[in-house]
PDB file of all heavy atoms in Angstrom:
ATOM      1  N   SER A   1       5.899  -2.769 -82.568  1.00  0.00           N
ATOM      2  CA  SER A   1       5.155  -3.686 -83.431  1.00  0.00           C
ATOM      3  C   SER A   1       4.034  -4.360 -82.648  1.00  0.00           C
ATOM      4  O   SER A   1       2.912  -4.492 -83.147  1.00  0.00           O
ATOM      5  CB  SER A   1       6.103  -4.737 -84.003  1.00  0.00           C
ATOM      6  OG  SER A   1       5.392  -5.713 -84.715  1.00  0.00           O
ATOM      7  N   ASP A   2       4.330  -4.780 -81.410  1.00  0.00           N
ATOM      8  CA  ASP A   2       3.294  -5.387 -80.567  1.00  0.00           C
ATOM      9  C   ASP A   2       2.183  -4.383 -80.280  1.00  0.00           C
ATOM     10  O   ASP A   2       1.004  -4.729 -80.271  1.00  0.00           O
ATOM     11  CB  ASP A   2       3.895  -5.904 -79.258  1.00  0.00           C
ATOM     12  CG  ASP A   2       4.808  -7.105 -79.456  1.00  0.00           C
ATOM     13  OD1 ASP A   2       4.735  -7.727 -80.537  1.00  0.00           O
ATOM     14  OD2 ASP A   2       5.587  -7.404 -78.531  1.00  0.00           O
ATOM     15  N   GLY A   3       2.557  -3.143 -80.051  1.00  0.00           N
ATOM     16  CA  GLY A   3       1.568  -2.086 -79.810  1.00  0.00           C
ATOM     17  C   GLY A   3       0.669  -1.887 -81.015  1.00  0.00           C
ATOM     18  O   GLY A   3      -0.549  -1.754 -80.880  1.00  0.00           O
ATOM     19  N   PHE A   4       1.256  -1.887 -82.212  1.00  0.00           N
ATOM     20  CA  PHE A   4       0.452  -1.739 -83.428  1.00  0.00           C
ATOM     21  C   PHE A   4      -0.448  -2.955 -83.638  1.00  0.00           C
ATOM     22  O   PHE A   4      -1.592  -2.824 -84.065  1.00  0.00           O
ATOM     23  CB  PHE A   4       1.345  -1.526 -84.659  1.00  0.00           C
ATOM     24  CG  PHE A   4       1.895  -0.147 -84.772  1.00  0.00           C
ATOM     25  CD1 PHE A   4       3.262   0.061 -84.830  1.00  0.00           C
ATOM     26  CD2 PHE A   4       1.052   0.953 -84.809  1.00  0.00           C
ATOM     27  CE1 PHE A   4       3.772   1.345 -84.925  1.00  0.00           C
ATOM     28  CE2 PHE A   4       1.554   2.238 -84.912  1.00  0.00           C
ATOM     29  CZ  PHE A   4       2.927   2.426 -84.963  1.00  0.00           C
ATOM     30  N   THR A   5       0.070  -4.135 -83.313  1.00  0.00           N
ATOM     31  CA  THR A   5      -0.743  -5.349 -83.445  1.00  0.00           C
ATOM     32  C   THR A   5      -1.935  -5.288 -82.487  1.00  0.00           C
ATOM     33  O   THR A   5      -3.070  -5.595 -82.875  1.00  0.00           O
ATOM     34  CB  THR A   5       0.110  -6.600 -83.155  1.00  0.00           C
ATOM     35  OG1 THR A   5       1.211  -6.622 -84.055  1.00  0.00           O
ATOM     36  CG2 THR A   5      -0.707  -7.866 -83.315  1.00  0.00           C
ATOM     37  N   ASP A   6      -1.666  -4.874 -81.244  1.00  0.00           N
ATOM     38  CA  ASP A   6      -2.763  -4.740 -80.274  1.00  0.00           C
ATOM     39  C   ASP A   6      -3.762  -3.684 -80.733  1.00  0.00           C
ATOM     40  O   ASP A   6      -4.976  -3.878 -80.621  1.00  0.00           O
ATOM     41  CB  ASP A   6      -2.219  -4.378 -78.888  1.00  0.00           C
ATOM     42  CG  ASP A   6      -1.433  -5.512 -78.252  1.00  0.00           C
ATOM     43  OD1 ASP A   6      -1.573  -6.668 -78.716  1.00  0.00           O
ATOM     44  OD2 ASP A   6      -0.677  -5.233 -77.295  1.00  0.00           O
ATOM     45  N   TYR A   7      -3.244  -2.583 -81.231  1.00  0.00           N
ATOM     46  CA  TYR A   7      -4.129  -1.517 -81.714  1.00  0.00           C
ATOM     47  C   TYR A   7      -4.976  -2.020 -82.880  1.00  0.00           C
ATOM     48  O   TYR A   7      -6.175  -1.749 -82.952  1.00  0.00           O
ATOM     49  CB  TYR A   7      -3.307  -0.298 -82.155  1.00  0.00           C
ATOM     50  CG  TYR A   7      -4.149   0.740 -82.841  1.00  0.00           C
ATOM     51  CD1 TYR A   7      -4.987   1.573 -82.107  1.00  0.00           C
ATOM     52  CD2 TYR A   7      -4.144   0.865 -84.230  1.00  0.00           C
ATOM     53  CE1 TYR A   7      -5.781   2.517 -82.728  1.00  0.00           C
ATOM     54  CE2 TYR A   7      -4.940   1.800 -84.860  1.00  0.00           C
ATOM     55  CZ  TYR A   7      -5.751   2.624 -84.105  1.00  0.00           C
ATOM     56  OH  TYR A   7      -6.543   3.547 -84.740  1.00  0.00           O
ATOM     57  N   ARG A   8      -4.380  -2.766 -83.784  1.00  0.00           N
ATOM     58  CA  ARG A   8      -5.112  -3.301 -84.932  1.00  0.00           C
ATOM     59  C   ARG A   8      -6.234  -4.234 -84.477  1.00  0.00           C
ATOM     60  O   ARG A   8      -7.354  -4.180 -84.990  1.00  0.00           O
ATOM     61  CB  ARG A   8      -4.156  -4.038 -85.856  1.00  0.00           C
ATOM     62  CG  ARG A   8      -4.808  -4.564 -87.108  1.00  0.00           C
ATOM     63  CD  ARG A   8      -3.759  -5.112 -88.080  1.00  0.00           C
ATOM     64  NE  ARG A   8      -4.392  -5.579 -89.282  1.00  0.00           N
ATOM     65  CZ  ARG A   8      -4.649  -6.859 -89.539  1.00  0.00           C
ATOM     66  NH1 ARG A   8      -4.306  -7.787 -88.679  1.00  0.00           N
ATOM     67  NH2 ARG A   8      -5.237  -7.207 -90.662  1.00  0.00           N
ATOM     68  N   LYS A   9      -5.945  -5.088 -83.490  1.00  0.00           N
ATOM     69  CA  LYS A   9      -6.977  -5.994 -82.954  1.00  0.00           C
ATOM     70  C   LYS A   9      -8.117  -5.193 -82.334  1.00  0.00           C
ATOM     71  O   LYS A   9      -9.292  -5.486 -82.559  1.00  0.00           O
ATOM     72  CB  LYS A   9      -6.382  -6.931 -81.904  1.00  0.00           C
ATOM     73  CG  LYS A   9      -5.543  -8.054 -82.454  1.00  0.00           C
ATOM     74  CD  LYS A   9      -4.993  -8.915 -81.327  1.00  0.00           C
ATOM     75  CE  LYS A   9      -4.023  -9.959 -81.837  1.00  0.00           C
ATOM     76  NZ  LYS A   9      -3.423 -10.722 -80.727  1.00  0.00           N
ATOM     77  N   MET A  10      -7.752  -4.177 -81.544  1.00  0.00           N
ATOM     78  CA  MET A  10      -8.789  -3.362 -80.907  1.00  0.00           C
ATOM     79  C   MET A  10      -9.609  -2.615 -81.944  1.00  0.00           C
ATOM     80  O   MET A  10     -10.834  -2.510 -81.830  1.00  0.00           O
ATOM     81  CB  MET A  10      -8.154  -2.363 -79.926  1.00  0.00           C
ATOM     82  CG  MET A  10      -7.662  -3.011 -78.668  1.00  0.00           C
ATOM     83  SD  MET A  10      -7.046  -1.904 -77.358  1.00  0.00           S
ATOM     84  CE  MET A  10      -6.693  -0.384 -78.119  1.00  0.00           C
ATOM     85  N   ALA A  11      -8.943  -2.108 -82.977  1.00  0.00           N
ATOM     86  CA  ALA A  11      -9.663  -1.376 -84.028  1.00  0.00           C
ATOM     87  C   ALA A  11     -10.608  -2.309 -84.772  1.00  0.00           C
ATOM     88  O   ALA A  11     -11.759  -1.947 -85.061  1.00  0.00           O
ATOM     89  CB  ALA A  11      -8.678  -0.733 -84.986  1.00  0.00           C
ATOM     90  N   ARG A  12     -10.157  -3.507 -85.081  1.00  0.00           N
ATOM     91  CA  ARG A  12     -11.022  -4.471 -85.771  1.00  0.00           C
ATOM     92  C   ARG A  12     -12.201  -4.876 -84.904  1.00  0.00           C
ATOM     93  O   ARG A  12     -13.339  -4.971 -85.376  1.00  0.00           O
ATOM     94  CB  ARG A  12     -10.223  -5.714 -86.174  1.00  0.00           C
ATOM     95  CG  ARG A  12      -9.266  -5.455 -87.327  1.00  0.00           C
ATOM     96  CD  ARG A  12      -8.526  -6.686 -87.681  1.00  0.00           C
ATOM     97  NE  ARG A  12      -9.487  -7.682 -88.148  1.00  0.00           N
ATOM     98  CZ  ARG A  12      -9.175  -8.697 -88.912  1.00  0.00           C
ATOM     99  NH1 ARG A  12      -7.949  -8.873 -89.296  1.00  0.00           N
ATOM    100  NH2 ARG A  12     -10.092  -9.551 -89.288  1.00  0.00           N
ATOM    101  N   ASN A  13     -11.945  -5.101 -83.600  1.00  0.00           N
ATOM    102  CA  ASN A  13     -13.029  -5.448 -82.682  1.00  0.00           C
ATOM    103  C   ASN A  13     -14.027  -4.304 -82.563  1.00  0.00           C
ATOM    104  O   ASN A  13     -15.238  -4.527 -82.527  1.00  0.00           O
ATOM    105  CB  ASN A  13     -12.486  -5.817 -81.307  1.00  0.00           C
ATOM    106  CG  ASN A  13     -11.726  -7.128 -81.308  1.00  0.00           C
ATOM    107  OD1 ASN A  13     -11.812  -7.914 -82.243  1.00  0.00           O
ATOM    108  ND2 ASN A  13     -10.957  -7.360 -80.264  1.00  0.00           N
ATOM    109  N   SER A  14     -13.529  -3.085 -82.509  1.00  0.00           N
ATOM    110  CA  SER A  14     -14.412  -1.917 -82.420  1.00  0.00           C
ATOM    111  C   SER A  14     -15.244  -1.771 -83.685  1.00  0.00           C
ATOM    112  O   SER A  14     -16.444  -1.471 -83.622  1.00  0.00           O
ATOM    113  CB  SER A  14     -13.601  -0.646 -82.190  1.00  0.00           C
ATOM    114  OG  SER A  14     -12.965  -0.689 -80.945  1.00  0.00           O
ATOM    115  N   LEU A  15     -14.615  -1.964 -84.817  1.00  0.00           N
ATOM    116  CA  LEU A  15     -15.337  -1.886 -86.091  1.00  0.00           C
ATOM    117  C   LEU A  15     -16.421  -2.957 -86.159  1.00  0.00           C
ATOM    118  O   LEU A  15     -17.564  -2.678 -86.545  1.00  0.00           O
ATOM    119  CB  LEU A  15     -14.368  -2.031 -87.264  1.00  0.00           C
ATOM    120  CG  LEU A  15     -14.974  -1.986 -88.659  1.00  0.00           C
ATOM    121  CD1 LEU A  15     -15.584  -0.610 -88.919  1.00  0.00           C
ATOM    122  CD2 LEU A  15     -13.928  -2.312 -89.704  1.00  0.00           C
ATOM    123  N   LEU A  16     -16.085  -4.152 -85.749  1.00  0.00           N
ATOM    124  CA  LEU A  16     -17.045  -5.255 -85.751  1.00  0.00           C
ATOM    125  C   LEU A  16     -18.204  -4.966 -84.802  1.00  0.00           C
ATOM    126  O   LEU A  16     -19.369  -5.163 -85.144  1.00  0.00           O
ATOM    127  CB  LEU A  16     -16.329  -6.546 -85.356  1.00  0.00           C
ATOM    128  CG  LEU A  16     -17.043  -7.863 -85.573  1.00  0.00           C
ATOM    129  CD1 LEU A  16     -17.473  -8.022 -87.020  1.00  0.00           C
ATOM    130  CD2 LEU A  16     -16.123  -9.014 -85.182  1.00  0.00           C
ATOM    131  N   ALA A  17     -17.879  -4.450 -83.617  1.00  0.00           N
ATOM    132  CA  ALA A  17     -18.928  -4.102 -82.649  1.00  0.00           C
ATOM    133  C   ALA A  17     -19.827  -2.996 -83.199  1.00  0.00           C
ATOM    134  O   ALA A  17     -21.050  -3.026 -83.011  1.00  0.00           O
ATOM    135  CB  ALA A  17     -18.300  -3.671 -81.326  1.00  0.00           C
ATOM    136  N   GLY A  18     -19.244  -2.035 -83.886  1.00  0.00           N
ATOM    137  CA  GLY A  18     -20.040  -0.963 -84.489  1.00  0.00           C
ATOM    138  C   GLY A  18     -20.979  -1.487 -85.559  1.00  0.00           C
ATOM    139  O   GLY A  18     -22.136  -1.053 -85.658  1.00  0.00           O
ATOM    140  N   ARG A  19     -20.505  -2.420 -86.362  1.00  0.00           N
ATOM    141  CA  ARG A  19     -21.354  -3.011 -87.399  1.00  0.00           C
ATOM    142  C   ARG A  19     -22.487  -3.824 -86.782  1.00  0.00           C
ATOM    143  O   ARG A  19     -23.622  -3.775 -87.257  1.00  0.00           O
ATOM    144  CB  ARG A  19     -20.517  -3.866 -88.345  1.00  0.00           C
ATOM    145  CG  ARG A  19     -19.615  -3.020 -89.234  1.00  0.00           C
ATOM    146  CD  ARG A  19     -18.801  -3.833 -90.200  1.00  0.00           C
ATOM    147  NE  ARG A  19     -19.655  -4.580 -91.100  1.00  0.00           N
ATOM    148  CZ  ARG A  19     -19.244  -5.639 -91.784  1.00  0.00           C
ATOM    149  NH1 ARG A  19     -18.004  -6.060 -91.658  1.00  0.00           N
ATOM    150  NH2 ARG A  19     -20.072  -6.275 -92.580  1.00  0.00           N
ATOM    151  N   VAL A  20     -22.180  -4.560 -85.711  1.00  0.00           N
ATOM    152  CA  VAL A  20     -23.231  -5.319 -85.011  1.00  0.00           C
ATOM    153  C   VAL A  20     -24.274  -4.344 -84.473  1.00  0.00           C
ATOM    154  O   VAL A  20     -25.484  -4.558 -84.615  1.00  0.00           O
ATOM    155  CB  VAL A  20     -22.641  -6.172 -83.860  1.00  0.00           C
ATOM    156  CG1 VAL A  20     -23.733  -6.703 -82.946  1.00  0.00           C
ATOM    157  CG2 VAL A  20     -21.828  -7.330 -84.418  1.00  0.00           C
ATOM    158  N   GLN A  21     -23.793  -3.259 -83.892  1.00  0.00           N
ATOM    159  CA  GLN A  21     -24.707  -2.277 -83.305  1.00  0.00           C
ATOM    160  C   GLN A  21     -25.588  -1.633 -84.383  1.00  0.00           C
ATOM    161  O   GLN A  21     -26.799  -1.484 -84.192  1.00  0.00           O
ATOM    162  CB  GLN A  21     -23.889  -1.219 -82.574  1.00  0.00           C
ATOM    163  CG  GLN A  21     -24.691  -0.321 -81.687  1.00  0.00           C
ATOM    164  CD  GLN A  21     -23.801   0.599 -80.867  1.00  0.00           C
ATOM    165  OE1 GLN A  21     -22.627   0.796 -81.180  1.00  0.00           O
ATOM    166  NE2 GLN A  21     -24.356   1.169 -79.828  1.00  0.00           N
ATOM    167  N   SER A  22     -25.011  -1.270 -85.514  1.00  0.00           N
ATOM    168  CA  SER A  22     -25.816  -0.631 -86.563  1.00  0.00           C
ATOM    169  C   SER A  22     -26.815  -1.609 -87.177  1.00  0.00           C
ATOM    170  O   SER A  22     -27.969  -1.244 -87.439  1.00  0.00           O
ATOM    171  CB  SER A  22     -24.918  -0.029 -87.646  1.00  0.00           C
ATOM    172  OG  SER A  22     -24.255  -1.043 -88.367  1.00  0.00           O
ATOM    173  N   ASP A  23     -26.405  -2.855 -87.372  1.00  0.00           N
ATOM    174  CA  ASP A  23     -27.346  -3.839 -87.915  1.00  0.00           C
ATOM    175  C   ASP A  23     -28.440  -4.170 -86.907  1.00  0.00           C
ATOM    176  O   ASP A  23     -29.595  -4.386 -87.282  1.00  0.00           O
ATOM    177  CB  ASP A  23     -26.611  -5.110 -88.344  1.00  0.00           C
ATOM    178  CG  ASP A  23     -25.948  -4.965 -89.705  1.00  0.00           C
ATOM    179  OD1 ASP A  23     -26.128  -3.909 -90.342  1.00  0.00           O
ATOM    180  OD2 ASP A  23     -25.249  -5.914 -90.124  1.00  0.00           O
ATOM    181  N   MET A  24     -28.094  -4.178 -85.619  1.00  0.00           N
ATOM    182  CA  MET A  24     -29.117  -4.429 -84.595  1.00  0.00           C
ATOM    183  C   MET A  24     -30.122  -3.288 -84.567  1.00  0.00           C
ATOM    184  O   MET A  24     -31.317  -3.505 -84.359  1.00  0.00           O
ATOM    185  CB  MET A  24     -28.448  -4.608 -83.222  1.00  0.00           C
ATOM    186  CG  MET A  24     -29.393  -5.100 -82.169  1.00  0.00           C
ATOM    187  SD  MET A  24     -30.104  -6.707 -82.582  1.00  0.00           S
ATOM    188  CE  MET A  24     -31.705  -6.518 -81.845  1.00  0.00           C
ATOM    189  N   LEU A  25     -29.653  -2.074 -84.796  1.00  0.00           N
ATOM    190  CA  LEU A  25     -30.566  -0.938 -84.887  1.00  0.00           C
ATOM    191  C   LEU A  25     -31.535  -1.136 -86.052  1.00  0.00           C
ATOM    192  O   LEU A  25     -32.738  -0.883 -85.917  1.00  0.00           O
ATOM    193  CB  LEU A  25     -29.789   0.373 -85.058  1.00  0.00           C
ATOM    194  CG  LEU A  25     -30.629   1.625 -85.249  1.00  0.00           C
ATOM    195  CD1 LEU A  25     -31.467   1.908 -84.007  1.00  0.00           C
ATOM    196  CD2 LEU A  25     -29.735   2.812 -85.569  1.00  0.00           C
ATOM    197  N   MET A  26     -31.034  -1.637 -87.171  1.00  0.00           N
ATOM    198  CA  MET A  26     -31.906  -1.890 -88.318  1.00  0.00           C
ATOM    199  C   MET A  26     -32.890  -3.024 -88.021  1.00  0.00           C
ATOM    200  O   MET A  26     -34.031  -3.001 -88.491  1.00  0.00           O
ATOM    201  CB  MET A  26     -31.073  -2.201 -89.562  1.00  0.00           C
ATOM    202  CG  MET A  26     -30.255  -1.017 -90.055  1.00  0.00           C
ATOM    203  SD  MET A  26     -31.222   0.483 -90.321  1.00  0.00           S
ATOM    204  CE  MET A  26     -32.305  -0.025 -91.632  1.00  0.00           C
ATOM    205  N   VAL A  27     -32.479  -3.999 -87.231  1.00  0.00           N
ATOM    206  CA  VAL A  27     -33.391  -5.073 -86.813  1.00  0.00           C
ATOM    207  C   VAL A  27     -34.532  -4.461 -86.004  1.00  0.00           C
ATOM    208  O   VAL A  27     -35.709  -4.768 -86.227  1.00  0.00           O
ATOM    209  CB  VAL A  27     -32.640  -6.156 -85.983  1.00  0.00           C
ATOM    210  CG1 VAL A  27     -33.610  -7.089 -85.284  1.00  0.00           C
ATOM    211  CG2 VAL A  27     -31.702  -6.945 -86.867  1.00  0.00           C
ATOM    212  N   ARG A  28     -34.177  -3.587 -85.071  1.00  0.00           N
ATOM    213  CA  ARG A  28     -35.199  -2.924 -84.240  1.00  0.00           C
ATOM    214  C   ARG A  28     -36.140  -2.082 -85.092  1.00  0.00           C
ATOM    215  O   ARG A  28     -37.355  -2.096 -84.909  1.00  0.00           O
ATOM    216  CB  ARG A  28     -34.516  -2.005 -83.206  1.00  0.00           C
ATOM    217  CG  ARG A  28     -34.214  -2.662 -81.929  1.00  0.00           C
ATOM    218  CD  ARG A  28     -33.814  -1.659 -80.838  1.00  0.00           C
ATOM    219  NE  ARG A  28     -34.953  -0.878 -80.426  1.00  0.00           N
ATOM    220  CZ  ARG A  28     -34.982   0.451 -80.368  1.00  0.00           C
ATOM    221  NH1 ARG A  28     -33.934   1.152 -80.704  1.00  0.00           N
ATOM    222  NH2 ARG A  28     -36.053   1.089 -79.959  1.00  0.00           N
ATOM    223  N   ILE A  29     -35.576  -1.320 -86.020  1.00  0.00           N
ATOM    224  CA  ILE A  29     -36.403  -0.447 -86.865  1.00  0.00           C
ATOM    225  C   ILE A  29     -37.360  -1.281 -87.704  1.00  0.00           C
ATOM    226  O   ILE A  29     -38.540  -0.946 -87.829  1.00  0.00           O
ATOM    227  CB  ILE A  29     -35.521   0.465 -87.736  1.00  0.00           C
ATOM    228  CG1 ILE A  29     -34.851   1.530 -86.860  1.00  0.00           C
ATOM    229  CG2 ILE A  29     -36.320   1.111 -88.855  1.00  0.00           C
ATOM    230  CD1 ILE A  29     -33.799   2.354 -87.573  1.00  0.00           C
ATOM    231  N   SER A  30     -36.878  -2.376 -88.281  1.00  0.00           N
ATOM    232  CA  SER A  30     -37.755  -3.201 -89.114  1.00  0.00           C
ATOM    233  C   SER A  30     -38.838  -3.872 -88.274  1.00  0.00           C
ATOM    234  O   SER A  30     -39.969  -4.033 -88.735  1.00  0.00           O
ATOM    235  CB  SER A  30     -36.952  -4.229 -89.915  1.00  0.00           C
ATOM    236  OG  SER A  30     -36.249  -5.087 -89.070  1.00  0.00           O
ATOM    237  N   SER A  31     -38.532  -4.230 -87.026  1.00  0.00           N
ATOM    238  CA  SER A  31     -39.581  -4.816 -86.179  1.00  0.00           C
ATOM    239  C   SER A  31     -40.613  -3.756 -85.804  1.00  0.00           C
ATOM    240  O   SER A  31     -41.815  -4.041 -85.766  1.00  0.00           O
ATOM    241  CB  SER A  31     -38.981  -5.465 -84.935  1.00  0.00           C
ATOM    242  OG  SER A  31     -38.352  -4.518 -84.109  1.00  0.00           O
ATOM    243  N   LYS A  32     -40.173  -2.528 -85.549  1.00  0.00           N
ATOM    244  CA  LYS A  32     -41.124  -1.449 -85.252  1.00  0.00           C
ATOM    245  C   LYS A  32     -41.986  -1.137 -86.479  1.00  0.00           C
ATOM    246  O   LYS A  32     -43.184  -0.881 -86.355  1.00  0.00           O
ATOM    247  CB  LYS A  32     -40.374  -0.197 -84.799  1.00  0.00           C
ATOM    248  CG  LYS A  32     -39.839  -0.293 -83.381  1.00  0.00           C
ATOM    249  CD  LYS A  32     -39.044   0.921 -82.985  1.00  0.00           C
ATOM    250  CE  LYS A  32     -39.987   2.064 -82.743  1.00  0.00           C
ATOM    251  NZ  LYS A  32     -39.276   3.249 -82.194  1.00  0.00           N
ATOM    252  N   LYS A  33     -41.377  -1.166 -87.669  1.00  0.00           N
ATOM    253  CA  LYS A  33     -42.153  -0.946 -88.902  1.00  0.00           C
ATOM    254  C   LYS A  33     -43.212  -2.034 -89.057  1.00  0.00           C
ATOM    255  O   LYS A  33     -44.318  -1.757 -89.499  1.00  0.00           O
ATOM    256  CB  LYS A  33     -41.237  -0.939 -90.127  1.00  0.00           C
ATOM    257  CG  LYS A  33     -40.471   0.325 -90.336  1.00  0.00           C
ATOM    258  CD  LYS A  33     -39.654   0.190 -91.617  1.00  0.00           C
ATOM    259  CE  LYS A  33     -38.763   1.356 -91.871  1.00  0.00           C
ATOM    260  NZ  LYS A  33     -37.934   1.137 -93.086  1.00  0.00           N
TER     261      LYS A  33
END
């Protein structure tokens, strides 16, 4: 259960980091436009 909880936290953090990265890419693209 602790392993699944840790995995869930890591998965959520990874998902959040991916969303930040994709939105930052859109920030860059809009500034270049």
